[in-house]
């Protein structure tokens, strides 16, 4: 039922900000991507913008070679996994990237931009500070929707926690507004093992 609630909020034109929280493997990214593709194919938006905090799990491997798209490729892997799961291929995703229907916008370079007629997906938003999410959310222009995704039990940023991370603060501070919706997905769909570990460790 939580996924049905999430889809309702994601499809509603008059809810421009949706926060999806939940355990690992609960379908947050998948639901956000598929509903965004539906919106794009219906002509309700022109682009899907993907961004996320550049925070690694554990020790960093250092600087990555290449241009900005190549540097972002490790952070795009979860998105490509979801496309592969939905379509058994990543060609569709690569075609959309080439056409400009899907754009990667690294969070450190997002200030000053305006995203109109877009869906902005902020993955791993629990690793962002409220200042960073405010910067991203205030980029939202006319006829746009922003989706914040995250698991507040998996925070990798050393100086924020389950209550002080940006995702929790945004969901709490804006809870009373008709412009926002927050849904917590409590059931894992990835595998029994993933759900067991998410709930036990």
C-alpha atoms as a PDB file:
ATOM      1  CA  UNK A   1       0.000   0.000   0.000  1.00  0.00           C
ATOM      2  CA  UNK A   2       2.917   2.371   0.664  1.00  0.00           C
ATOM      3  CA  UNK A   3       4.060   2.010  -2.962  1.00  0.00           C
ATOM      4  CA  UNK A   4       0.506   2.862  -4.089  1.00  0.00           C
ATOM      5  CA  UNK A   5       0.608   5.992  -1.913  1.00  0.00           C
ATOM      6  CA  UNK A   6       3.993   6.883  -3.411  1.00  0.00           C
ATOM      7  CA  UNK A   7       2.750   6.437  -6.989  1.00  0.00           C
ATOM      8  CA  UNK A   8      -0.280   8.602  -6.248  1.00  0.00           C
ATOM      9  CA  UNK A   9       1.948  11.439  -4.998  1.00  0.00           C
ATOM     10  CA  UNK A  10       4.429  11.004  -7.854  1.00  0.00           C
ATOM     11  CA  UNK A  11       1.677  11.214 -10.476  1.00  0.00           C
ATOM     12  CA  UNK A  12      -0.153  14.196  -8.970  1.00  0.00           C
ATOM     13  CA  UNK A  13       0.553  17.390 -10.919  1.00  0.00           C
ATOM     14  CA  UNK A  14      -0.265  19.619  -7.950  1.00  0.00           C
ATOM     15  CA  UNK A  15       2.312  18.029  -5.610  1.00  0.00           C
ATOM     16  CA  UNK A  16       5.648  19.445  -6.827  1.00  0.00           C
ATOM     17  CA  UNK A  17       7.761  18.004  -3.976  1.00  0.00           C
ATOM     18  CA  UNK A  18       7.713  14.329  -2.990  1.00  0.00           C
ATOM     19  CA  UNK A  19       9.933  12.770  -0.304  1.00  0.00           C
ATOM     20  CA  UNK A  20      10.317   9.002  -0.466  1.00  0.00           C
ATOM     21  CA  UNK A  21      12.108   7.338   2.419  1.00  0.00           C
ATOM     22  CA  UNK A  22      12.494   3.674   3.165  1.00  0.00           C
ATOM     23  CA  UNK A  23      14.800   0.747   3.716  1.00  0.00           C
ATOM     24  CA  UNK A  24      17.294  -0.350   1.073  1.00  0.00           C
ATOM     25  CA  UNK A  25      15.547  -2.170  -1.755  1.00  0.00           C
ATOM     26  CA  UNK A  26      12.058  -0.821  -1.038  1.00  0.00           C
ATOM     27  CA  UNK A  27      11.665   0.565  -4.570  1.00  0.00           C
ATOM     28  CA  UNK A  28      12.282   4.293  -4.033  1.00  0.00           C
ATOM     29  CA  UNK A  29      14.520   4.856  -7.067  1.00  0.00           C
ATOM     30  CA  UNK A  30      12.554   2.468  -9.283  1.00  0.00           C
ATOM     31  CA  UNK A  31       9.210   4.165  -8.559  1.00  0.00           C
ATOM     32  CA  UNK A  32      10.708   7.634  -9.052  1.00  0.00           C
ATOM     33  CA  UNK A  33      12.313   6.694 -12.375  1.00  0.00           C
ATOM     34  CA  UNK A  34       9.328   4.844 -13.832  1.00  0.00           C
ATOM     35  CA  UNK A  35       6.846   7.575 -12.863  1.00  0.00           C
ATOM     36  CA  UNK A  36       9.217  10.177 -14.312  1.00  0.00           C
ATOM     37  CA  UNK A  37       9.478   8.250 -17.583  1.00  0.00           C
ATOM     38  CA  UNK A  38       5.688   8.039 -17.684  1.00  0.00           C
ATOM     39  CA  UNK A  39       5.462  11.799 -17.210  1.00  0.00           C
ATOM     40  CA  UNK A  40       8.098  12.391 -19.900  1.00  0.00           C
ATOM     41  CA  UNK A  41       6.383  10.081 -22.409  1.00  0.00           C
ATOM     42  CA  UNK A  42       3.039  11.792 -21.772  1.00  0.00           C
ATOM     43  CA  UNK A  43       4.616  15.155 -22.614  1.00  0.00           C
ATOM     44  CA  UNK A  44       4.134  16.531 -19.098  1.00  0.00           C
ATOM     45  CA  UNK A  45       7.829  17.397 -18.807  1.00  0.00           C
ATOM     46  CA  UNK A  46      10.807  17.797 -21.124  1.00  0.00           C
ATOM     47  CA  UNK A  47      13.714  16.416 -19.101  1.00  0.00           C
ATOM     48  CA  UNK A  48      14.625  14.242 -16.154  1.00  0.00           C
ATOM     49  CA  UNK A  49      17.422  15.721 -14.025  1.00  0.00           C
ATOM     50  CA  UNK A  50      19.424  13.307 -11.862  1.00  0.00           C
ATOM     51  CA  UNK A  51      21.527  14.528  -8.967  1.00  0.00           C
ATOM     52  CA  UNK A  52      22.872  13.244  -5.667  1.00  0.00           C
ATOM     53  CA  UNK A  53      25.377  14.200  -2.969  1.00  0.00           C
ATOM     54  CA  UNK A  54      28.875  13.072  -3.946  1.00  0.00           C
ATOM     55  CA  UNK A  55      29.394  11.121  -0.741  1.00  0.00           C
ATOM     56  CA  UNK A  56      31.031   7.694  -0.866  1.00  0.00           C
ATOM     57  CA  UNK A  57      30.484   4.684   1.381  1.00  0.00           C
ATOM     58  CA  UNK A  58      33.673   4.161   3.392  1.00  0.00           C
ATOM     59  CA  UNK A  59      37.037   5.311   2.034  1.00  0.00           C
ATOM     60  CA  UNK A  60      37.144   7.227  -1.249  1.00  0.00           C
ATOM     61  CA  UNK A  61      39.162   5.830  -4.175  1.00  0.00           C
ATOM     62  CA  UNK A  62      40.452   9.294  -5.097  1.00  0.00           C
ATOM     63  CA  UNK A  63      39.972  11.420  -8.210  1.00  0.00           C
ATOM     64  CA  UNK A  64      38.251   9.869 -11.212  1.00  0.00           C
ATOM     65  CA  UNK A  65      39.528  10.451 -14.766  1.00  0.00           C
ATOM     66  CA  UNK A  66      37.516  11.837 -17.683  1.00  0.00           C
ATOM     67  CA  UNK A  67      34.946  14.555 -18.279  1.00  0.00           C
ATOM     68  CA  UNK A  68      32.068  15.312 -15.935  1.00  0.00           C
ATOM     69  CA  UNK A  69      29.842  12.561 -17.398  1.00  0.00           C
ATOM     70  CA  UNK A  70      32.584   9.974 -16.939  1.00  0.00           C
ATOM     71  CA  UNK A  71      33.239  11.168 -13.398  1.00  0.00           C
ATOM     72  CA  UNK A  72      29.530  10.806 -12.593  1.00  0.00           C
ATOM     73  CA  UNK A  73      29.224   7.287 -14.031  1.00  0.00           C
ATOM     74  CA  UNK A  74      29.778   5.501 -10.667  1.00  0.00           C
ATOM     75  CA  UNK A  75      26.948   7.575  -9.176  1.00  0.00           C
ATOM     76  CA  UNK A  76      24.707   6.696 -12.147  1.00  0.00           C
ATOM     77  CA  UNK A  77      25.127   2.945 -11.628  1.00  0.00           C
ATOM     78  CA  UNK A  78      21.981   2.598  -9.428  1.00  0.00           C
ATOM     79  CA  UNK A  79      19.926   4.387 -12.103  1.00  0.00           C
ATOM     80  CA  UNK A  80      21.300   2.135 -14.832  1.00  0.00           C
ATOM     81  CA  UNK A  81      20.555  -0.918 -12.666  1.00  0.00           C
ATOM     82  CA  UNK A  82      16.920   0.176 -12.474  1.00  0.00           C
ATOM     83  CA  UNK A  83      16.710   0.697 -16.242  1.00  0.00           C
ATOM     84  CA  UNK A  84      18.271  -2.723 -16.742  1.00  0.00           C
ATOM     85  CA  UNK A  85      15.707  -4.236 -14.370  1.00  0.00           C
ATOM     86  CA  UNK A  86      12.778  -2.530 -16.131  1.00  0.00           C
ATOM     87  CA  UNK A  87      13.848  -2.995 -19.765  1.00  0.00           C
ATOM     88  CA  UNK A  88      16.513  -5.759 -19.644  1.00  0.00           C
ATOM     89  CA  UNK A  89      18.839  -3.302 -21.367  1.00  0.00           C
ATOM     90  CA  UNK A  90      20.503   0.089 -20.836  1.00  0.00           C
ATOM     91  CA  UNK A  91      20.278   1.207 -24.494  1.00  0.00           C
ATOM     92  CA  UNK A  92      17.070   3.134 -23.753  1.00  0.00           C
ATOM     93  CA  UNK A  93      18.806   5.035 -20.955  1.00  0.00           C
ATOM     94  CA  UNK A  94      21.860   5.795 -23.130  1.00  0.00           C
ATOM     95  CA  UNK A  95      19.580   7.012 -25.961  1.00  0.00           C
ATOM     96  CA  UNK A  96      17.734   9.336 -23.587  1.00  0.00           C
ATOM     97  CA  UNK A  97      21.034  10.682 -22.287  1.00  0.00           C
ATOM     98  CA  UNK A  98      22.238  11.305 -25.850  1.00  0.00           C
ATOM     99  CA  UNK A  99      19.002  13.140 -26.734  1.00  0.00           C
ATOM    100  CA  UNK A 100      19.193  15.282 -23.610  1.00  0.00           C
ATOM    101  CA  UNK A 101      15.978  13.846 -22.144  1.00  0.00           C
ATOM    102  CA  UNK A 102      18.002  12.707 -19.132  1.00  0.00           C
ATOM    103  CA  UNK A 103      20.657  14.985 -17.659  1.00  0.00           C
ATOM    104  CA  UNK A 104      23.094  14.474 -14.819  1.00  0.00           C
ATOM    105  CA  UNK A 105      23.559  17.601 -12.699  1.00  0.00           C
ATOM    106  CA  UNK A 106      26.303  17.223 -10.069  1.00  0.00           C
ATOM    107  CA  UNK A 107      25.127  18.838  -6.852  1.00  0.00           C
ATOM    108  CA  UNK A 108      28.247  21.015  -6.351  1.00  0.00           C
ATOM    109  CA  UNK A 109      27.545  22.783  -9.689  1.00  0.00           C
ATOM    110  CA  UNK A 110      23.783  23.202  -9.415  1.00  0.00           C
ATOM    111  CA  UNK A 111      23.659  26.709  -7.904  1.00  0.00           C
ATOM    112  CA  UNK A 112      22.341  29.377 -10.268  1.00  0.00           C
ATOM    113  CA  UNK A 113      20.473  26.960 -12.534  1.00  0.00           C
ATOM    114  CA  UNK A 114      16.696  26.890 -13.123  1.00  0.00           C
ATOM    115  CA  UNK A 115      14.926  23.642 -14.002  1.00  0.00           C
ATOM    116  CA  UNK A 116      11.574  24.320 -15.692  1.00  0.00           C
ATOM    117  CA  UNK A 117       9.394  21.593 -17.250  1.00  0.00           C
ATOM    118  CA  UNK A 118      11.566  19.001 -15.521  1.00  0.00           C
ATOM    119  CA  UNK A 119      11.505  16.228 -12.989  1.00  0.00           C
ATOM    120  CA  UNK A 120      14.443  16.478 -10.611  1.00  0.00           C
ATOM    121  CA  UNK A 121      15.382  13.258  -8.828  1.00  0.00           C
ATOM    122  CA  UNK A 122      17.702  13.641  -5.839  1.00  0.00           C
ATOM    123  CA  UNK A 123      18.969  10.175  -4.952  1.00  0.00           C
ATOM    124  CA  UNK A 124      20.624   9.412  -1.585  1.00  0.00           C
ATOM    125  CA  UNK A 125      19.215  12.686  -0.246  1.00  0.00           C
ATOM    126  CA  UNK A 126      19.848  11.509   3.328  1.00  0.00           C
ATOM    127  CA  UNK A 127      23.540  12.295   2.735  1.00  0.00           C
ATOM    128  CA  UNK A 128      22.789  15.956   1.960  1.00  0.00           C
ATOM    129  CA  UNK A 129      22.587  18.772   4.471  1.00  0.00           C
ATOM    130  CA  UNK A 130      19.445  20.884   4.651  1.00  0.00           C
ATOM    131  CA  UNK A 131      21.482  23.731   3.080  1.00  0.00           C
ATOM    132  CA  UNK A 132      22.343  21.539   0.081  1.00  0.00           C
ATOM    133  CA  UNK A 133      18.742  20.391  -0.391  1.00  0.00           C
ATOM    134  CA  UNK A 134      17.477  23.965  -0.072  1.00  0.00           C
ATOM    135  CA  UNK A 135      19.865  24.924  -2.871  1.00  0.00           C
ATOM    136  CA  UNK A 136      18.545  22.109  -5.082  1.00  0.00           C
ATOM    137  CA  UNK A 137      14.846  22.610  -4.281  1.00  0.00           C
ATOM    138  CA  UNK A 138      15.030  26.347  -5.008  1.00  0.00           C
ATOM    139  CA  UNK A 139      16.249  25.492  -8.543  1.00  0.00           C
ATOM    140  CA  UNK A 140      12.753  24.129  -9.287  1.00  0.00           C
ATOM    141  CA  UNK A 141      11.013  26.248 -11.928  1.00  0.00           C
ATOM    142  CA  UNK A 142       7.521  26.254 -13.408  1.00  0.00           C
ATOM    143  CA  UNK A 143       5.831  22.934 -14.249  1.00  0.00           C
ATOM    144  CA  UNK A 144       8.542  20.957 -12.470  1.00  0.00           C
ATOM    145  CA  UNK A 145       8.532  18.281  -9.821  1.00  0.00           C
ATOM    146  CA  UNK A 146      11.322  17.343  -7.418  1.00  0.00           C
ATOM    147  CA  UNK A 147      11.633  13.909  -5.820  1.00  0.00           C
ATOM    148  CA  UNK A 148      13.876  13.372  -2.795  1.00  0.00           C
ATOM    149  CA  UNK A 149      14.891   9.766  -2.161  1.00  0.00           C
ATOM    150  CA  UNK A 150      16.774   8.268   0.741  1.00  0.00           C
ATOM    151  CA  UNK A 151      17.192   5.815   3.582  1.00  0.00           C
ATOM    152  CA  UNK A 152      17.803   7.721   6.815  1.00  0.00           C
ATOM    153  CA  UNK A 153      19.323   4.572   8.353  1.00  0.00           C
ATOM    154  CA  UNK A 154      22.148   4.631   5.782  1.00  0.00           C
ATOM    155  CA  UNK A 155      23.914   7.958   6.256  1.00  0.00           C
ATOM    156  CA  UNK A 156      27.514   8.167   5.042  1.00  0.00           C
ATOM    157  CA  UNK A 157      28.168  11.867   5.720  1.00  0.00           C
ATOM    158  CA  UNK A 158      30.120  11.974   9.000  1.00  0.00           C
ATOM    159  CA  UNK A 159      28.618  15.105  10.584  1.00  0.00           C
ATOM    160  CA  UNK A 160      24.870  14.452  10.105  1.00  0.00           C
ATOM    161  CA  UNK A 161      22.594  11.769  11.556  1.00  0.00           C
ATOM    162  CA  UNK A 162      19.095  10.329  11.212  1.00  0.00           C
ATOM    163  CA  UNK A 163      17.425  13.510  12.480  1.00  0.00           C
ATOM    164  CA  UNK A 164      19.820  16.239  11.320  1.00  0.00           C
ATOM    165  CA  UNK A 165      20.147  15.169   7.667  1.00  0.00           C
ATOM    166  CA  UNK A 166      18.543  17.346   5.011  1.00  0.00           C
ATOM    167  CA  UNK A 167      15.937  14.803   3.901  1.00  0.00           C
ATOM    168  CA  UNK A 168      14.481  14.383   7.407  1.00  0.00           C
ATOM    169  CA  UNK A 169      14.412  18.143   7.993  1.00  0.00           C
ATOM    170  CA  UNK A 170      12.758  18.925   4.625  1.00  0.00           C
ATOM    171  CA  UNK A 171      10.087  16.243   5.145  1.00  0.00           C
ATOM    172  CA  UNK A 172       9.363  17.482   8.686  1.00  0.00           C
ATOM    173  CA  UNK A 173       9.410  21.241   7.992  1.00  0.00           C
ATOM    174  CA  UNK A 174       7.201  21.030   4.880  1.00  0.00           C
ATOM    175  CA  UNK A 175       4.830  18.302   6.117  1.00  0.00           C
ATOM    176  CA  UNK A 176       1.874  20.671   6.539  1.00  0.00           C
ATOM    177  CA  UNK A 177       2.058  22.085   2.999  1.00  0.00           C
ATOM    178  CA  UNK A 178      -0.342  20.914   0.270  1.00  0.00           C
ATOM    179  CA  UNK A 179       2.580  21.246  -2.161  1.00  0.00           C
ATOM    180  CA  UNK A 180       4.459  18.326  -0.608  1.00  0.00           C
ATOM    181  CA  UNK A 181       3.989  14.649   0.154  1.00  0.00           C
ATOM    182  CA  UNK A 182       6.133  12.257   2.183  1.00  0.00           C
ATOM    183  CA  UNK A 183       5.853   8.482   1.999  1.00  0.00           C
ATOM    184  CA  UNK A 184       7.891   5.905   3.930  1.00  0.00           C
ATOM    185  CA  UNK A 185       8.320   2.542   2.213  1.00  0.00           C
ATOM    186  CA  UNK A 186       8.785   0.021   4.985  1.00  0.00           C
ATOM    187  CA  UNK A 187       8.885  -3.232   3.018  1.00  0.00           C
ATOM    188  CA  UNK A 188      11.922  -4.427   1.069  1.00  0.00           C
ATOM    189  CA  UNK A 189      11.419  -5.745  -2.469  1.00  0.00           C
ATOM    190  CA  UNK A 190      15.025  -6.412  -3.530  1.00  0.00           C
ATOM    191  CA  UNK A 191      15.497  -9.733  -1.745  1.00  0.00           C
ATOM    192  CA  UNK A 192      14.752 -11.444   1.553  1.00  0.00           C
ATOM    193  CA  UNK A 193      18.410 -11.111   2.537  1.00  0.00           C
ATOM    194  CA  UNK A 194      18.524  -7.360   1.810  1.00  0.00           C
ATOM    195  CA  UNK A 195      15.376  -6.831   3.874  1.00  0.00           C
ATOM    196  CA  UNK A 196      16.691  -8.971   6.737  1.00  0.00           C
ATOM    197  CA  UNK A 197      19.961  -7.019   6.899  1.00  0.00           C
ATOM    198  CA  UNK A 198      18.207  -3.628   6.566  1.00  0.00           C
ATOM    199  CA  UNK A 199      15.931  -4.431   9.495  1.00  0.00           C
ATOM    200  CA  UNK A 200      18.475  -6.245  11.689  1.00  0.00           C
ATOM    201  CA  UNK A 201      21.837  -4.443  11.397  1.00  0.00           C
END
